[in-house]
Amino acid sequence: MVNNDAEVYRKYCEELTRFATALAGPSAAEDLVSSAVTRAISGPRWAEIENKRAYLYRTMLNEASRSRRDVQRRLNREARTAAREGSTDQVPDPDVLAALIALSVRQRAVMFLTYWGDLPSDEVAALLGTSSRTAERELAAGKRRLKELLS
């Protein structure tokens, strides 16, 4: 089993790292891959999963969302603390620093797989565990949001 898990990791590591870079940025990509793969492989259902690649992509997406929520909660706590301490400095909102980061993790995932992965919407949907129509809606919403932010 361990050899099989190692083979799965070696097989998908590079593409998962590219996906993680799109979701969380280059500085957090390796940590995201590590935590997502560890979570997936250590899960009780891992041995039963037929499409391990798709499962790893969905786990990565969930892990990126979890991480983003954690960071946002921490930033909110820091902003509240700074306000209570009477600081006049504003805590920069990382979501405003770049237009892509302002998108939801799911929108970034769909955009990455569509444009950088050059995948059709049905394959994007399969990797993310959603319907093709949902993937198309997320792509359209992401494009609209980018247009708003960049104009």
Foldseek 3Di string as FASTA:
>chain_A
DVVVLVVVCVVCVVVQLLLQCLLPNNVCSVVLLVVLSVVLVPDPCNVVDDCVQLSSLQSSLVSSQVVVVVVVVVLVVVQVVCVVVVHPDGDDDPLLPDQSSVQHSLLSSLCCCVPVVVDQLCVSCSSNVHHSVVSVVSPVVSVVSSVVSVD
